[in-house]
Amino acid sequence: MTGVSVADLSLAVIALAFAAAVIALVPALLQIRRTAMRAEAVLASVDGALPSLVRDLEGLIQQLNRTTDTVASLAASVERLEKLSTSAVRRVDGVLDSIGHAARDVVLPSLASVAGLVSVVREGMEWVRPRRDRRRDGE
């Protein structure tokens, strides 16, 4: 039997295909190995930098918390000032209303009375003066 059987030929083709696949896989496996080494280096770098980044982030969060507390305190102060200014405006309005009422109810009638008194005195003087002038003229 000198002939090659179909089974032998099939086994040879399978062996050649397997060898070609292994040869083709070697560069891919080498690339995967290089990629894994780079990933390991990156992870080591991140692992080295991560604690300091976490500390910086915690410090930033604390600073933001203090800033938030300060802003909240300022907002409360502004609210108190707003209430005080509103109260002051109401009081000033009340005082101005009281002054207006006093002017209308007390000062204006008093001024009218004074004006009337002055008018009466002037008329009285006019009435007395002509008589006095007549006496002088008649004497």
C-alpha atoms as a PDB file:
ATOM      1  CA  MET A   1       0.000   0.000   0.000  1.00  0.00           C
ATOM      2  CA  THR A   2       1.891   2.758  -1.213  1.00  0.00           C
ATOM      3  CA  GLY A   3      -0.942   5.051  -1.530  1.00  0.00           C
ATOM      4  CA  VAL A   4      -1.926   7.678   0.881  1.00  0.00           C
ATOM      5  CA  SER A   5      -5.271   7.128   2.300  1.00  0.00           C
ATOM      6  CA  VAL A   6      -7.878   9.821   2.635  1.00  0.00           C
ATOM      7  CA  ALA A   7      -7.630   9.597   6.389  1.00  0.00           C
ATOM      8  CA  ASP A   8      -3.861  10.151   6.275  1.00  0.00           C
ATOM      9  CA  LEU A   9      -4.316  13.044   3.922  1.00  0.00           C
ATOM     10  CA  SER A  10      -6.992  14.519   6.155  1.00  0.00           C
ATOM     11  CA  LEU A  11      -4.753  14.179   9.182  1.00  0.00           C
ATOM     12  CA  ALA A  12      -1.917  15.871   7.323  1.00  0.00           C
ATOM     13  CA  VAL A  13      -4.174  18.758   6.284  1.00  0.00           C
ATOM     14  CA  ILE A  14      -5.459  19.091   9.823  1.00  0.00           C
ATOM     15  CA  ALA A  15      -1.878  19.060  11.166  1.00  0.00           C
ATOM     16  CA  LEU A  16      -0.807  21.701   8.644  1.00  0.00           C
ATOM     17  CA  ALA A  17      -3.863  23.843   9.489  1.00  0.00           C
ATOM     18  CA  PHE A  18      -3.087  23.498  13.187  1.00  0.00           C
ATOM     19  CA  ALA A  19       0.551  24.456  12.617  1.00  0.00           C
ATOM     20  CA  ALA A  20      -0.513  27.479  10.545  1.00  0.00           C
ATOM     21  CA  ALA A  21      -2.973  28.494  13.244  1.00  0.00           C
ATOM     22  CA  VAL A  22      -0.283  28.210  15.927  1.00  0.00           C
ATOM     23  CA  ILE A  23       2.151  30.209  13.799  1.00  0.00           C
ATOM     24  CA  ALA A  24      -0.546  32.856  13.207  1.00  0.00           C
ATOM     25  CA  LEU A  25      -1.451  32.909  16.890  1.00  0.00           C
ATOM     26  CA  VAL A  26       2.117  33.525  18.066  1.00  0.00           C
ATOM     27  CA  PRO A  27       2.216  37.217  17.002  1.00  0.00           C
ATOM     28  CA  ALA A  28      -1.273  37.743  18.415  1.00  0.00           C
ATOM     29  CA  LEU A  29      -0.247  36.113  21.688  1.00  0.00           C
ATOM     30  CA  LEU A  30       2.909  38.243  21.766  1.00  0.00           C
ATOM     31  CA  GLN A  31       0.790  41.377  21.199  1.00  0.00           C
ATOM     32  CA  ILE A  32      -1.612  40.314  23.954  1.00  0.00           C
ATOM     33  CA  ARG A  33       1.408  39.813  26.249  1.00  0.00           C
ATOM     34  CA  ARG A  34       2.763  43.302  25.420  1.00  0.00           C
ATOM     35  CA  THR A  35      -0.699  44.832  25.929  1.00  0.00           C
ATOM     36  CA  ALA A  36      -1.035  43.044  29.267  1.00  0.00           C
ATOM     37  CA  MET A  37       2.390  44.344  30.357  1.00  0.00           C
ATOM     38  CA  ARG A  38       1.411  47.904  29.384  1.00  0.00           C
ATOM     39  CA  ALA A  39      -1.905  47.562  31.195  1.00  0.00           C
ATOM     40  CA  GLU A  40      -0.043  46.315  34.250  1.00  0.00           C
ATOM     41  CA  ALA A  41       2.295  49.316  34.088  1.00  0.00           C
ATOM     42  CA  VAL A  42      -0.656  51.710  33.726  1.00  0.00           C
ATOM     43  CA  LEU A  43      -2.453  50.049  36.629  1.00  0.00           C
ATOM     44  CA  ALA A  44       0.696  50.304  38.749  1.00  0.00           C
ATOM     45  CA  SER A  45       0.961  53.996  37.876  1.00  0.00           C
ATOM     46  CA  VAL A  46      -2.709  54.573  38.698  1.00  0.00           C
ATOM     47  CA  ASP A  47      -2.309  52.586  41.901  1.00  0.00           C
ATOM     48  CA  GLY A  48       0.592  54.842  42.878  1.00  0.00           C
ATOM     49  CA  ALA A  49      -1.242  58.059  42.015  1.00  0.00           C
ATOM     50  CA  LEU A  50      -4.681  57.050  43.283  1.00  0.00           C
ATOM     51  CA  PRO A  51      -4.052  57.560  47.029  1.00  0.00           C
ATOM     52  CA  SER A  52      -2.797  61.116  46.503  1.00  0.00           C
ATOM     53  CA  LEU A  53      -5.748  61.826  44.181  1.00  0.00           C
ATOM     54  CA  VAL A  54      -8.138  60.495  46.815  1.00  0.00           C
ATOM     55  CA  ARG A  55      -6.482  62.684  49.490  1.00  0.00           C
ATOM     56  CA  ASP A  56      -6.718  65.720  47.203  1.00  0.00           C
ATOM     57  CA  LEU A  57     -10.352  64.929  46.466  1.00  0.00           C
ATOM     58  CA  GLU A  58     -11.140  64.574  50.181  1.00  0.00           C
ATOM     59  CA  GLY A  59      -9.450  67.937  50.846  1.00  0.00           C
ATOM     60  CA  LEU A  60     -11.455  69.521  48.042  1.00  0.00           C
ATOM     61  CA  ILE A  61     -14.686  68.074  49.434  1.00  0.00           C
ATOM     62  CA  GLN A  62     -13.868  69.445  52.901  1.00  0.00           C
ATOM     63  CA  GLN A  63     -13.132  72.849  51.410  1.00  0.00           C
ATOM     64  CA  LEU A  64     -16.415  72.760  49.477  1.00  0.00           C
ATOM     65  CA  ASN A  65     -18.250  71.824  52.681  1.00  0.00           C
ATOM     66  CA  ARG A  66     -16.708  74.812  54.489  1.00  0.00           C
ATOM     67  CA  THR A  67     -17.589  77.070  51.568  1.00  0.00           C
ATOM     68  CA  THR A  68     -21.147  75.748  51.578  1.00  0.00           C
ATOM     69  CA  ASP A  69     -21.400  76.420  55.322  1.00  0.00           C
ATOM     70  CA  THR A  70     -20.081  79.953  54.787  1.00  0.00           C
ATOM     71  CA  VAL A  71     -22.559  80.603  51.976  1.00  0.00           C
ATOM     72  CA  ALA A  72     -25.398  79.264  54.129  1.00  0.00           C
ATOM     73  CA  SER A  73     -24.311  81.535  56.975  1.00  0.00           C
ATOM     74  CA  LEU A  74     -24.156  84.517  54.624  1.00  0.00           C
ATOM     75  CA  ALA A  75     -27.604  83.683  53.274  1.00  0.00           C
ATOM     76  CA  ALA A  76     -28.983  83.571  56.826  1.00  0.00           C
ATOM     77  CA  SER A  77     -27.331  86.931  57.570  1.00  0.00           C
ATOM     78  CA  VAL A  78     -28.786  88.454  54.418  1.00  0.00           C
ATOM     79  CA  GLU A  79     -32.204  87.120  55.384  1.00  0.00           C
ATOM     80  CA  ARG A  80     -31.900  88.684  58.853  1.00  0.00           C
ATOM     81  CA  LEU A  81     -30.786  91.989  57.306  1.00  0.00           C
ATOM     82  CA  GLU A  82     -33.727  91.876  54.919  1.00  0.00           C
ATOM     83  CA  LYS A  83     -36.138  91.348  57.826  1.00  0.00           C
ATOM     84  CA  LEU A  84     -34.500  94.186  59.788  1.00  0.00           C
ATOM     85  CA  SER A  85     -34.637  96.550  56.817  1.00  0.00           C
ATOM     86  CA  THR A  86     -38.287  95.667  56.191  1.00  0.00           C
ATOM     87  CA  SER A  87     -39.045  96.359  59.851  1.00  0.00           C
ATOM     88  CA  ALA A  88     -37.125  99.653  59.714  1.00  0.00           C
ATOM     89  CA  VAL A  89     -39.006 100.730  56.589  1.00  0.00           C
ATOM     90  CA  ARG A  90     -42.323  99.921  58.273  1.00  0.00           C
ATOM     91  CA  ARG A  91     -41.315 101.937  61.339  1.00  0.00           C
ATOM     92  CA  VAL A  92     -40.203 104.899  59.231  1.00  0.00           C
ATOM     93  CA  ASP A  93     -43.492 104.713  57.320  1.00  0.00           C
ATOM     94  CA  GLY A  94     -45.344 104.682  60.651  1.00  0.00           C
ATOM     95  CA  VAL A  95     -43.394 107.703  61.903  1.00  0.00           C
ATOM     96  CA  LEU A  96     -44.036 109.570  58.653  1.00  0.00           C
ATOM     97  CA  ASP A  97     -47.745 108.744  58.871  1.00  0.00           C
ATOM     98  CA  SER A  98     -47.789 109.983  62.483  1.00  0.00           C
ATOM     99  CA  ILE A  99     -46.036 113.193  61.469  1.00  0.00           C
ATOM    100  CA  GLY A 100     -48.526 113.646  58.620  1.00  0.00           C
ATOM    101  CA  HIS A 101     -51.477 113.128  60.950  1.00  0.00           C
ATOM    102  CA  ALA A 102     -49.968 115.498  63.514  1.00  0.00           C
ATOM    103  CA  ALA A 103     -49.409 118.115  60.828  1.00  0.00           C
ATOM    104  CA  ARG A 104     -52.976 117.778  59.569  1.00  0.00           C
ATOM    105  CA  ASP A 105     -54.642 117.522  62.952  1.00  0.00           C
ATOM    106  CA  VAL A 106     -52.482 119.821  65.138  1.00  0.00           C
ATOM    107  CA  VAL A 107     -50.164 122.087  63.164  1.00  0.00           C
ATOM    108  CA  LEU A 108     -52.479 123.173  60.349  1.00  0.00           C
ATOM    109  CA  PRO A 109     -55.366 124.090  62.647  1.00  0.00           C
ATOM    110  CA  SER A 110     -52.913 125.916  64.901  1.00  0.00           C
ATOM    111  CA  LEU A 111     -51.477 127.779  61.928  1.00  0.00           C
ATOM    112  CA  ALA A 112     -54.986 128.620  60.815  1.00  0.00           C
ATOM    113  CA  SER A 113     -55.746 129.918  64.301  1.00  0.00           C
ATOM    114  CA  VAL A 114     -52.554 131.978  64.325  1.00  0.00           C
ATOM    115  CA  ALA A 115     -53.348 133.313  60.874  1.00  0.00           C
ATOM    116  CA  GLY A 116     -56.846 134.193  62.078  1.00  0.00           C
ATOM    117  CA  LEU A 117     -55.439 135.859  65.192  1.00  0.00           C
ATOM    118  CA  VAL A 118     -52.990 137.877  63.115  1.00  0.00           C
ATOM    119  CA  SER A 119     -55.814 138.873  60.807  1.00  0.00           C
ATOM    120  CA  VAL A 120     -57.962 139.933  63.763  1.00  0.00           C
ATOM    121  CA  VAL A 121     -55.085 141.925  65.257  1.00  0.00           C
ATOM    122  CA  ARG A 122     -54.430 143.617  61.928  1.00  0.00           C
ATOM    123  CA  GLU A 123     -58.126 144.466  61.462  1.00  0.00           C
ATOM    124  CA  GLY A 124     -58.258 145.695  65.023  1.00  0.00           C
ATOM    125  CA  MET A 125     -55.250 147.861  64.438  1.00  0.00           C
ATOM    126  CA  GLU A 126     -56.799 149.196  61.261  1.00  0.00           C
ATOM    127  CA  TRP A 127     -59.954 149.965  63.184  1.00  0.00           C
ATOM    128  CA  VAL A 128     -58.070 151.647  66.035  1.00  0.00           C
ATOM    129  CA  ARG A 129     -55.658 153.506  63.833  1.00  0.00           C
ATOM    130  CA  PRO A 130     -58.157 155.466  61.825  1.00  0.00           C
ATOM    131  CA  ARG A 131     -59.792 156.717  65.016  1.00  0.00           C
ATOM    132  CA  ARG A 132     -56.472 157.704  66.361  1.00  0.00           C
ATOM    133  CA  ASP A 133     -55.689 159.486  63.122  1.00  0.00           C
ATOM    134  CA  ARG A 134     -59.076 161.264  63.315  1.00  0.00           C
ATOM    135  CA  ARG A 135     -58.315 162.517  66.793  1.00  0.00           C
ATOM    136  CA  ARG A 136     -55.053 163.928  65.669  1.00  0.00           C
ATOM    137  CA  ASP A 137     -56.664 165.489  62.683  1.00  0.00           C
ATOM    138  CA  GLY A 138     -59.463 166.920  64.855  1.00  0.00           C
ATOM    139  CA  GLU A 139     -57.246 168.332  67.525  1.00  0.00           C
END
